[in-house]
Amino acid sequence: MSDIDLFALHYVFVPIINSAVAGFVEAYSCHDLCTEQRGTPLMIWTNGIISSSHASDTAIQDFVSGNIDSFGEDPEGPESNEFHH
């Protein structure tokens, strides 16, 4: 298979696959789970966010306050070197 053939396959099929995966994720997030009292994954996540047992978590505080620029960052934790070269 040539590089041009491989590029053409990626060009055609990657958007189709990504669209199908996004559709599955959206549908599954609203699908009830019989093992979790018929709650959907989205409902379970929302209940976890509003649960008082997680109220002091940094990520929850960032999410609730609307501070999504630093969502999930721990000001007391080590600095990430992910973007440093």
PDB file of N, CA and C in Angstrom:
ATOM      1  N   MET A   1       0.856  -1.172   0.000  1.00  0.00           N
ATOM      2  CA  MET A   1       0.000   0.000   0.000  1.00  0.00           C
ATOM      3  C   MET A   1       0.904   1.238   0.000  1.00  0.00           C
ATOM      4  N   SER A   2       0.603   2.174  -0.840  1.00  0.00           N
ATOM      5  CA  SER A   2       1.423   3.380  -0.939  1.00  0.00           C
ATOM      6  C   SER A   2       0.994   4.412   0.099  1.00  0.00           C
ATOM      7  N   ASP A   3       1.839   5.399   0.283  1.00  0.00           N
ATOM      8  CA  ASP A   3       1.512   6.488   1.217  1.00  0.00           C
ATOM      9  C   ASP A   3       0.285   7.254   0.752  1.00  0.00           C
ATOM     10  N   ILE A   4       0.094   7.371  -0.531  1.00  0.00           N
ATOM     11  CA  ILE A   4      -1.081   8.084  -1.065  1.00  0.00           C
ATOM     12  C   ILE A   4      -2.351   7.299  -0.751  1.00  0.00           C
ATOM     13  N   ASP A   5      -2.296   5.986  -0.917  1.00  0.00           N
ATOM     14  CA  ASP A   5      -3.457   5.153  -0.570  1.00  0.00           C
ATOM     15  C   ASP A   5      -3.794   5.268   0.915  1.00  0.00           C
ATOM     16  N   LEU A   6      -2.759   5.227   1.743  1.00  0.00           N
ATOM     17  CA  LEU A   6      -2.968   5.333   3.182  1.00  0.00           C
ATOM     18  C   LEU A   6      -3.553   6.691   3.556  1.00  0.00           C
ATOM     19  N   PHE A   7      -3.050   7.752   2.948  1.00  0.00           N
ATOM     20  CA  PHE A   7      -3.591   9.090   3.192  1.00  0.00           C
ATOM     21  C   PHE A   7      -5.064   9.152   2.782  1.00  0.00           C
ATOM     22  N   ALA A   8      -5.386   8.590   1.618  1.00  0.00           N
ATOM     23  CA  ALA A   8      -6.770   8.622   1.135  1.00  0.00           C
ATOM     24  C   ALA A   8      -7.696   7.872   2.085  1.00  0.00           C
ATOM     25  N   LEU A   9      -7.238   6.715   2.578  1.00  0.00           N
ATOM     26  CA  LEU A   9      -8.056   5.963   3.532  1.00  0.00           C
ATOM     27  C   LEU A   9      -8.294   6.760   4.810  1.00  0.00           C
ATOM     28  N   HIS A  10      -7.233   7.380   5.331  1.00  0.00           N
ATOM     29  CA  HIS A  10      -7.391   8.209   6.528  1.00  0.00           C
ATOM     30  C   HIS A  10      -8.300   9.394   6.260  1.00  0.00           C
ATOM     31  N   TYR A  11      -8.133  10.031   5.125  1.00  0.00           N
ATOM     32  CA  TYR A  11      -8.924  11.209   4.775  1.00  0.00           C
ATOM     33  C   TYR A  11     -10.416  10.874   4.714  1.00  0.00           C
ATOM     34  N   VAL A  12     -10.734   9.695   4.201  1.00  0.00           N
ATOM     35  CA  VAL A  12     -12.134   9.313   4.042  1.00  0.00           C
ATOM     36  C   VAL A  12     -12.718   8.729   5.326  1.00  0.00           C
ATOM     37  N   PHE A  13     -11.992   7.826   5.981  1.00  0.00           N
ATOM     38  CA  PHE A  13     -12.595   7.055   7.056  1.00  0.00           C
ATOM     39  C   PHE A  13     -12.417   7.622   8.461  1.00  0.00           C
ATOM     40  N   VAL A  14     -11.380   8.391   8.735  1.00  0.00           N
ATOM     41  CA  VAL A  14     -11.193   8.920  10.087  1.00  0.00           C
ATOM     42  C   VAL A  14     -12.367   9.812  10.512  1.00  0.00           C
ATOM     43  N   PRO A  15     -12.850  10.741   9.663  1.00  0.00           N
ATOM     44  CA  PRO A  15     -14.020  11.533  10.095  1.00  0.00           C
ATOM     45  C   PRO A  15     -15.273  10.679  10.323  1.00  0.00           C
ATOM     46  N   ILE A  16     -15.451   9.650   9.516  1.00  0.00           N
ATOM     47  CA  ILE A  16     -16.617   8.772   9.684  1.00  0.00           C
ATOM     48  C   ILE A  16     -16.518   8.011  11.005  1.00  0.00           C
ATOM     49  N   ILE A  17     -15.341   7.496  11.303  1.00  0.00           N
ATOM     50  CA  ILE A  17     -15.138   6.762  12.556  1.00  0.00           C
ATOM     51  C   ILE A  17     -15.300   7.693  13.755  1.00  0.00           C
ATOM     52  N   ASN A  18     -14.710   8.882  13.682  1.00  0.00           N
ATOM     53  CA  ASN A  18     -14.839   9.842  14.788  1.00  0.00           C
ATOM     54  C   ASN A  18     -16.288  10.234  15.020  1.00  0.00           C
ATOM     55  N   SER A  19     -17.046  10.410  13.959  1.00  0.00           N
ATOM     56  CA  SER A  19     -18.461  10.756  14.088  1.00  0.00           C
ATOM     57  C   SER A  19     -19.235   9.611  14.746  1.00  0.00           C
ATOM     58  N   ALA A  20     -18.941   8.378  14.346  1.00  0.00           N
ATOM     59  CA  ALA A  20     -19.621   7.225  14.940  1.00  0.00           C
ATOM     60  C   ALA A  20     -19.276   7.079  16.414  1.00  0.00           C
ATOM     61  N   VAL A  21     -18.020   7.306  16.774  1.00  0.00           N
ATOM     62  CA  VAL A  21     -17.611   7.220  18.180  1.00  0.00           C
ATOM     63  C   VAL A  21     -18.295   8.311  18.996  1.00  0.00           C
ATOM     64  N   ALA A  22     -18.344   9.535  18.466  1.00  0.00           N
ATOM     65  CA  ALA A  22     -19.005  10.636  19.177  1.00  0.00           C
ATOM     66  C   ALA A  22     -20.492  10.331  19.383  1.00  0.00           C
ATOM     67  N   GLY A  23     -21.132   9.767  18.367  1.00  0.00           N
ATOM     68  CA  GLY A  23     -22.537   9.391  18.490  1.00  0.00           C
ATOM     69  C   GLY A  23     -22.749   8.319  19.543  1.00  0.00           C
ATOM     70  N   PHE A  24     -21.848   7.339  19.580  1.00  0.00           N
ATOM     71  CA  PHE A  24     -21.944   6.284  20.590  1.00  0.00           C
ATOM     72  C   PHE A  24     -21.788   6.860  21.990  1.00  0.00           C
ATOM     73  N   VAL A  25     -20.794   7.724  22.179  1.00  0.00           N
ATOM     74  CA  VAL A  25     -20.549   8.312  23.496  1.00  0.00           C
ATOM     75  C   VAL A  25     -21.762   9.109  23.953  1.00  0.00           C
ATOM     76  N   GLU A  26     -22.323   9.895  23.042  1.00  0.00           N
ATOM     77  CA  GLU A  26     -23.500  10.704  23.396  1.00  0.00           C
ATOM     78  C   GLU A  26     -24.685   9.809  23.768  1.00  0.00           C
ATOM     79  N   ALA A  27     -24.918   8.766  22.994  1.00  0.00           N
ATOM     80  CA  ALA A  27     -26.036   7.863  23.277  1.00  0.00           C
ATOM     81  C   ALA A  27     -25.801   7.083  24.567  1.00  0.00           C
ATOM     82  N   TYR A  28     -24.581   6.618  24.775  1.00  0.00           N
ATOM     83  CA  TYR A  28     -24.293   5.816  25.952  1.00  0.00           C
ATOM     84  C   TYR A  28     -24.363   6.643  27.231  1.00  0.00           C
ATOM     85  N   SER A  29     -24.014   7.919  27.142  1.00  0.00           N
ATOM     86  CA  SER A  29     -24.069   8.784  28.317  1.00  0.00           C
ATOM     87  C   SER A  29     -25.501   8.978  28.808  1.00  0.00           C
ATOM     88  N   CYS A  30     -26.463   8.770  27.942  1.00  0.00           N
ATOM     89  CA  CYS A  30     -27.871   8.925  28.312  1.00  0.00           C
ATOM     90  C   CYS A  30     -28.584   7.586  28.463  1.00  0.00           C
ATOM     91  N   HIS A  31     -27.836   6.496  28.408  1.00  0.00           N
ATOM     92  CA  HIS A  31     -28.398   5.150  28.523  1.00  0.00           C
ATOM     93  C   HIS A  31     -28.356   4.718  29.984  1.00  0.00           C
ATOM     94  N   ASP A  32     -29.482   4.235  30.491  1.00  0.00           N
ATOM     95  CA  ASP A  32     -29.519   3.855  31.907  1.00  0.00           C
ATOM     96  C   ASP A  32     -28.759   2.545  32.155  1.00  0.00           C
ATOM     97  N   LEU A  33     -28.208   2.456  33.354  1.00  0.00           N
ATOM     98  CA  LEU A  33     -27.445   1.282  33.771  1.00  0.00           C
ATOM     99  C   LEU A  33     -28.241   0.542  34.837  1.00  0.00           C
ATOM    100  N   CYS A  34     -28.580  -0.701  34.593  1.00  0.00           N
ATOM    101  CA  CYS A  34     -29.419  -1.436  35.540  1.00  0.00           C
ATOM    102  C   CYS A  34     -28.697  -1.689  36.867  1.00  0.00           C
ATOM    103  N   THR A  35     -27.365  -1.666  36.879  1.00  0.00           N
ATOM    104  CA  THR A  35     -26.643  -1.922  38.126  1.00  0.00           C
ATOM    105  C   THR A  35     -26.508  -0.682  38.996  1.00  0.00           C
ATOM    106  N   GLU A  36     -26.845   0.478  38.495  1.00  0.00           N
ATOM    107  CA  GLU A  36     -26.722   1.727  39.253  1.00  0.00           C
ATOM    108  C   GLU A  36     -28.086   2.382  39.460  1.00  0.00           C
ATOM    109  N   GLN A  37     -29.066   1.586  39.853  1.00  0.00           N
ATOM    110  CA  GLN A  37     -30.422   2.065  40.125  1.00  0.00           C
ATOM    111  C   GLN A  37     -31.002   2.809  38.923  1.00  0.00           C
ATOM    112  N   ARG A  38     -30.700   2.285  37.743  1.00  0.00           N
ATOM    113  CA  ARG A  38     -31.220   2.778  36.468  1.00  0.00           C
ATOM    114  C   ARG A  38     -30.782   4.209  36.162  1.00  0.00           C
ATOM    115  N   GLY A  39     -29.686   4.643  36.744  1.00  0.00           N
ATOM    116  CA  GLY A  39     -29.153   5.966  36.453  1.00  0.00           C
ATOM    117  C   GLY A  39     -28.259   5.926  35.231  1.00  0.00           C
ATOM    118  N   THR A  40     -28.234   7.011  34.489  1.00  0.00           N
ATOM    119  CA  THR A  40     -27.340   7.102  33.332  1.00  0.00           C
ATOM    120  C   THR A  40     -25.951   7.509  33.820  1.00  0.00           C
ATOM    121  N   PRO A  41     -24.904   7.261  33.022  1.00  0.00           N
ATOM    122  CA  PRO A  41     -23.577   7.729  33.424  1.00  0.00           C
ATOM    123  C   PRO A  41     -23.557   9.234  33.699  1.00  0.00           C
ATOM    124  N   LEU A  42     -24.301  10.007  32.910  1.00  0.00           N
ATOM    125  CA  LEU A  42     -24.360  11.454  33.129  1.00  0.00           C
ATOM    126  C   LEU A  42     -25.017  11.776  34.469  1.00  0.00           C
ATOM    127  N   MET A  43     -26.077  11.058  34.814  1.00  0.00           N
ATOM    128  CA  MET A  43     -26.740  11.286  36.103  1.00  0.00           C
ATOM    129  C   MET A  43     -25.837  10.896  37.264  1.00  0.00           C
ATOM    130  N   ILE A  44     -25.116   9.785  37.123  1.00  0.00           N
ATOM    131  CA  ILE A  44     -24.208   9.341  38.179  1.00  0.00           C
ATOM    132  C   ILE A  44     -23.097  10.360  38.383  1.00  0.00           C
ATOM    133  N   TRP A  45     -22.543  10.876  37.282  1.00  0.00           N
ATOM    134  CA  TRP A  45     -21.487  11.888  37.372  1.00  0.00           C
ATOM    135  C   TRP A  45     -22.026  13.157  38.039  1.00  0.00           C
ATOM    136  N   THR A  46     -23.223  13.596  37.629  1.00  0.00           N
ATOM    137  CA  THR A  46     -23.822  14.799  38.206  1.00  0.00           C
ATOM    138  C   THR A  46     -24.069  14.622  39.702  1.00  0.00           C
ATOM    139  N   ASN A  47     -24.577  13.476  40.106  1.00  0.00           N
ATOM    140  CA  ASN A  47     -24.793  13.215  41.528  1.00  0.00           C
ATOM    141  C   ASN A  47     -23.482  13.237  42.294  1.00  0.00           C
ATOM    142  N   GLY A  48     -22.409  12.751  41.686  1.00  0.00           N
ATOM    143  CA  GLY A  48     -21.101  12.795  42.327  1.00  0.00           C
ATOM    144  C   GLY A  48     -20.602  14.217  42.485  1.00  0.00           C
ATOM    145  N   ILE A  49     -20.860  15.059  41.481  1.00  0.00           N
ATOM    146  CA  ILE A  49     -20.439  16.460  41.540  1.00  0.00           C
ATOM    147  C   ILE A  49     -21.168  17.202  42.662  1.00  0.00           C
ATOM    148  N   ILE A  50     -22.459  16.957  42.798  1.00  0.00           N
ATOM    149  CA  ILE A  50     -23.219  17.711  43.789  1.00  0.00           C
ATOM    150  C   ILE A  50     -23.200  17.063  45.167  1.00  0.00           C
ATOM    151  N   SER A  51     -22.567  15.913  45.287  1.00  0.00           N
ATOM    152  CA  SER A  51     -22.463  15.226  46.566  1.00  0.00           C
ATOM    153  C   SER A  51     -21.593  16.029  47.531  1.00  0.00           C
ATOM    154  N   SER A  52     -22.042  16.147  48.763  1.00  0.00           N
ATOM    155  CA  SER A  52     -21.285  16.922  49.749  1.00  0.00           C
ATOM    156  C   SER A  52     -19.980  16.237  50.142  1.00  0.00           C
ATOM    157  N   SER A  53     -19.861  14.934  49.892  1.00  0.00           N
ATOM    158  CA  SER A  53     -18.638  14.234  50.262  1.00  0.00           C
ATOM    159  C   SER A  53     -17.448  14.625  49.392  1.00  0.00           C
ATOM    160  N   HIS A  54     -17.717  15.243  48.242  1.00  0.00           N
ATOM    161  CA  HIS A  54     -16.642  15.674  47.347  1.00  0.00           C
ATOM    162  C   HIS A  54     -16.518  17.203  47.293  1.00  0.00           C
ATOM    163  N   ALA A  55     -17.215  17.898  48.148  1.00  0.00           N
ATOM    164  CA  ALA A  55     -17.284  19.359  48.069  1.00  0.00           C
ATOM    165  C   ALA A  55     -15.932  20.034  48.238  1.00  0.00           C
ATOM    166  N   SER A  56     -15.001  19.422  48.955  1.00  0.00           N
ATOM    167  CA  SER A  56     -13.710  20.072  49.184  1.00  0.00           C
ATOM    168  C   SER A  56     -12.671  19.716  48.117  1.00  0.00           C
ATOM    169  N   ASP A  57     -12.997  18.839  47.181  1.00  0.00           N
ATOM    170  CA  ASP A  57     -12.053  18.473  46.126  1.00  0.00           C
ATOM    171  C   ASP A  57     -11.785  19.675  45.221  1.00  0.00           C
ATOM    172  N   THR A  58     -10.526  19.873  44.861  1.00  0.00           N
ATOM    173  CA  THR A  58     -10.133  21.008  44.029  1.00  0.00           C
ATOM    174  C   THR A  58     -10.861  20.997  42.692  1.00  0.00           C
ATOM    175  N   ALA A  59     -10.938  19.840  42.049  1.00  0.00           N
ATOM    176  CA  ALA A  59     -11.587  19.757  40.743  1.00  0.00           C
ATOM    177  C   ALA A  59     -13.067  20.118  40.843  1.00  0.00           C
ATOM    178  N   ILE A  60     -13.731  19.690  41.898  1.00  0.00           N
ATOM    179  CA  ILE A  60     -15.149  19.997  42.072  1.00  0.00           C
ATOM    180  C   ILE A  60     -15.331  21.488  42.324  1.00  0.00           C
ATOM    181  N   GLN A  61     -14.478  22.078  43.148  1.00  0.00           N
ATOM    182  CA  GLN A  61     -14.565  23.517  43.411  1.00  0.00           C
ATOM    183  C   GLN A  61     -14.359  24.312  42.132  1.00  0.00           C
ATOM    184  N   ASP A  62     -13.381  23.919  41.314  1.00  0.00           N
ATOM    185  CA  ASP A  62     -13.143  24.604  40.043  1.00  0.00           C
ATOM    186  C   ASP A  62     -14.353  24.492  39.131  1.00  0.00           C
ATOM    187  N   PHE A  63     -14.936  23.301  39.049  1.00  0.00           N
ATOM    188  CA  PHE A  63     -16.078  23.089  38.167  1.00  0.00           C
ATOM    189  C   PHE A  63     -17.288  23.893  38.618  1.00  0.00           C
ATOM    190  N   VAL A  64     -17.590  23.838  39.893  1.00  0.00           N
ATOM    191  CA  VAL A  64     -18.767  24.531  40.427  1.00  0.00           C
ATOM    192  C   VAL A  64     -18.620  26.043  40.319  1.00  0.00           C
ATOM    193  N   SER A  65     -17.399  26.557  40.544  1.00  0.00           N
ATOM    194  CA  SER A  65     -17.191  28.006  40.487  1.00  0.00           C
ATOM    195  C   SER A  65     -17.089  28.528  39.066  1.00  0.00           C
ATOM    196  N   GLY A  66     -17.045  27.631  38.090  1.00  0.00           N
ATOM    197  CA  GLY A  66     -16.939  28.059  36.697  1.00  0.00           C
ATOM    198  C   GLY A  66     -15.524  28.379  36.285  1.00  0.00           C
ATOM    199  N   ASN A  67     -14.575  28.075  37.130  1.00  0.00           N
ATOM    200  CA  ASN A  67     -13.169  28.342  36.841  1.00  0.00           C
ATOM    201  C   ASN A  67     -12.612  27.168  36.034  1.00  0.00           C
ATOM    202  N   ILE A  68     -12.998  27.091  34.752  1.00  0.00           N
ATOM    203  CA  ILE A  68     -12.589  25.941  33.956  1.00  0.00           C
ATOM    204  C   ILE A  68     -11.205  26.112  33.341  1.00  0.00           C
ATOM    205  N   ASP A  69     -10.613  27.305  33.465  1.00  0.00           N
ATOM    206  CA  ASP A  69      -9.258  27.489  32.948  1.00  0.00           C
ATOM    207  C   ASP A  69      -8.257  26.644  33.720  1.00  0.00           C
ATOM    208  N   SER A  70      -8.533  26.428  34.996  1.00  0.00           N
ATOM    209  CA  SER A  70      -7.625  25.627  35.805  1.00  0.00           C
ATOM    210  C   SER A  70      -8.330  24.378  36.324  1.00  0.00           C
ATOM    211  N   PHE A  71      -9.334  23.902  35.594  1.00  0.00           N
ATOM    212  CA  PHE A  71     -10.121  22.750  36.027  1.00  0.00           C
ATOM    213  C   PHE A  71      -9.228  21.550  36.308  1.00  0.00           C
ATOM    214  N   GLY A  72      -9.296  21.036  37.510  1.00  0.00           N
ATOM    215  CA  GLY A  72      -8.562  19.842  37.893  1.00  0.00           C
ATOM    216  C   GLY A  72      -7.130  20.074  38.323  1.00  0.00           C
ATOM    217  N   GLU A  73      -6.659  21.303  38.258  1.00  0.00           N
ATOM    218  CA  GLU A  73      -5.291  21.574  38.692  1.00  0.00           C
ATOM    219  C   GLU A  73      -5.235  21.651  40.210  1.00  0.00           C
ATOM    220  N   ASP A  74      -4.165  21.177  40.769  1.00  0.00           N
ATOM    221  CA  ASP A  74      -3.966  21.211  42.207  1.00  0.00           C
ATOM    222  C   ASP A  74      -2.898  22.248  42.518  1.00  0.00           C
ATOM    223  N   PRO A  75      -3.295  23.390  43.093  1.00  0.00           N
ATOM    224  CA  PRO A  75      -2.310  24.439  43.365  1.00  0.00           C
ATOM    225  C   PRO A  75      -1.248  24.004  44.367  1.00  0.00           C
ATOM    226  N   GLU A  76      -1.548  23.001  45.170  1.00  0.00           N
ATOM    227  CA  GLU A  76      -0.595  22.498  46.155  1.00  0.00           C
ATOM    228  C   GLU A  76       0.311  21.401  45.573  1.00  0.00           C
ATOM    229  N   GLY A  77      -0.049  20.889  44.392  1.00  0.00           N
ATOM    230  CA  GLY A  77       0.675  19.766  43.803  1.00  0.00           C
ATOM    231  C   GLY A  77       1.870  20.214  42.974  1.00  0.00           C
ATOM    232  N   PRO A  78       2.614  19.238  42.486  1.00  0.00           N
ATOM    233  CA  PRO A  78       3.781  19.557  41.646  1.00  0.00           C
ATOM    234  C   PRO A  78       3.355  20.118  40.298  1.00  0.00           C
ATOM    235  N   GLU A  79       4.207  20.910  39.701  1.00  0.00           N
ATOM    236  CA  GLU A  79       3.925  21.491  38.401  1.00  0.00           C
ATOM    237  C   GLU A  79       4.141  20.440  37.312  1.00  0.00           C
ATOM    238  N   SER A  80       3.267  20.424  36.348  1.00  0.00           N
ATOM    239  CA  SER A  80       3.378  19.473  35.252  1.00  0.00           C
ATOM    240  C   SER A  80       4.471  19.906  34.281  1.00  0.00           C
ATOM    241  N   ASN A  81       5.207  18.956  33.758  1.00  0.00           N
ATOM    242  CA  ASN A  81       6.219  19.259  32.747  1.00  0.00           C
ATOM    243  C   ASN A  81       5.790  18.757  31.385  1.00  0.00           C
ATOM    244  N   GLU A  82       4.485  18.541  31.214  1.00  0.00           N
ATOM    245  CA  GLU A  82       3.936  17.962  29.993  1.00  0.00           C
ATOM    246  C   GLU A  82       4.242  18.817  28.764  1.00  0.00           C
ATOM    247  N   PHE A  83       4.214  20.134  28.907  1.00  0.00           N
ATOM    248  CA  PHE A  83       4.380  21.005  27.749  1.00  0.00           C
ATOM    249  C   PHE A  83       5.763  21.653  27.708  1.00  0.00           C
ATOM    250  N   HIS A  84       6.639  21.253  28.590  1.00  0.00           N
ATOM    251  CA  HIS A  84       7.995  21.811  28.598  1.00  0.00           C
ATOM    252  C   HIS A  84       8.883  20.955  27.725  1.00  0.00           C
ATOM    253  N   HIS A  85       9.696  21.569  26.879  1.00  0.00           N
ATOM    254  CA  HIS A  85      10.597  20.804  26.012  1.00  0.00           C
ATOM    255  C   HIS A  85      12.017  21.017  26.409  1.00  0.00           C
TER     256      HIS A  85
END
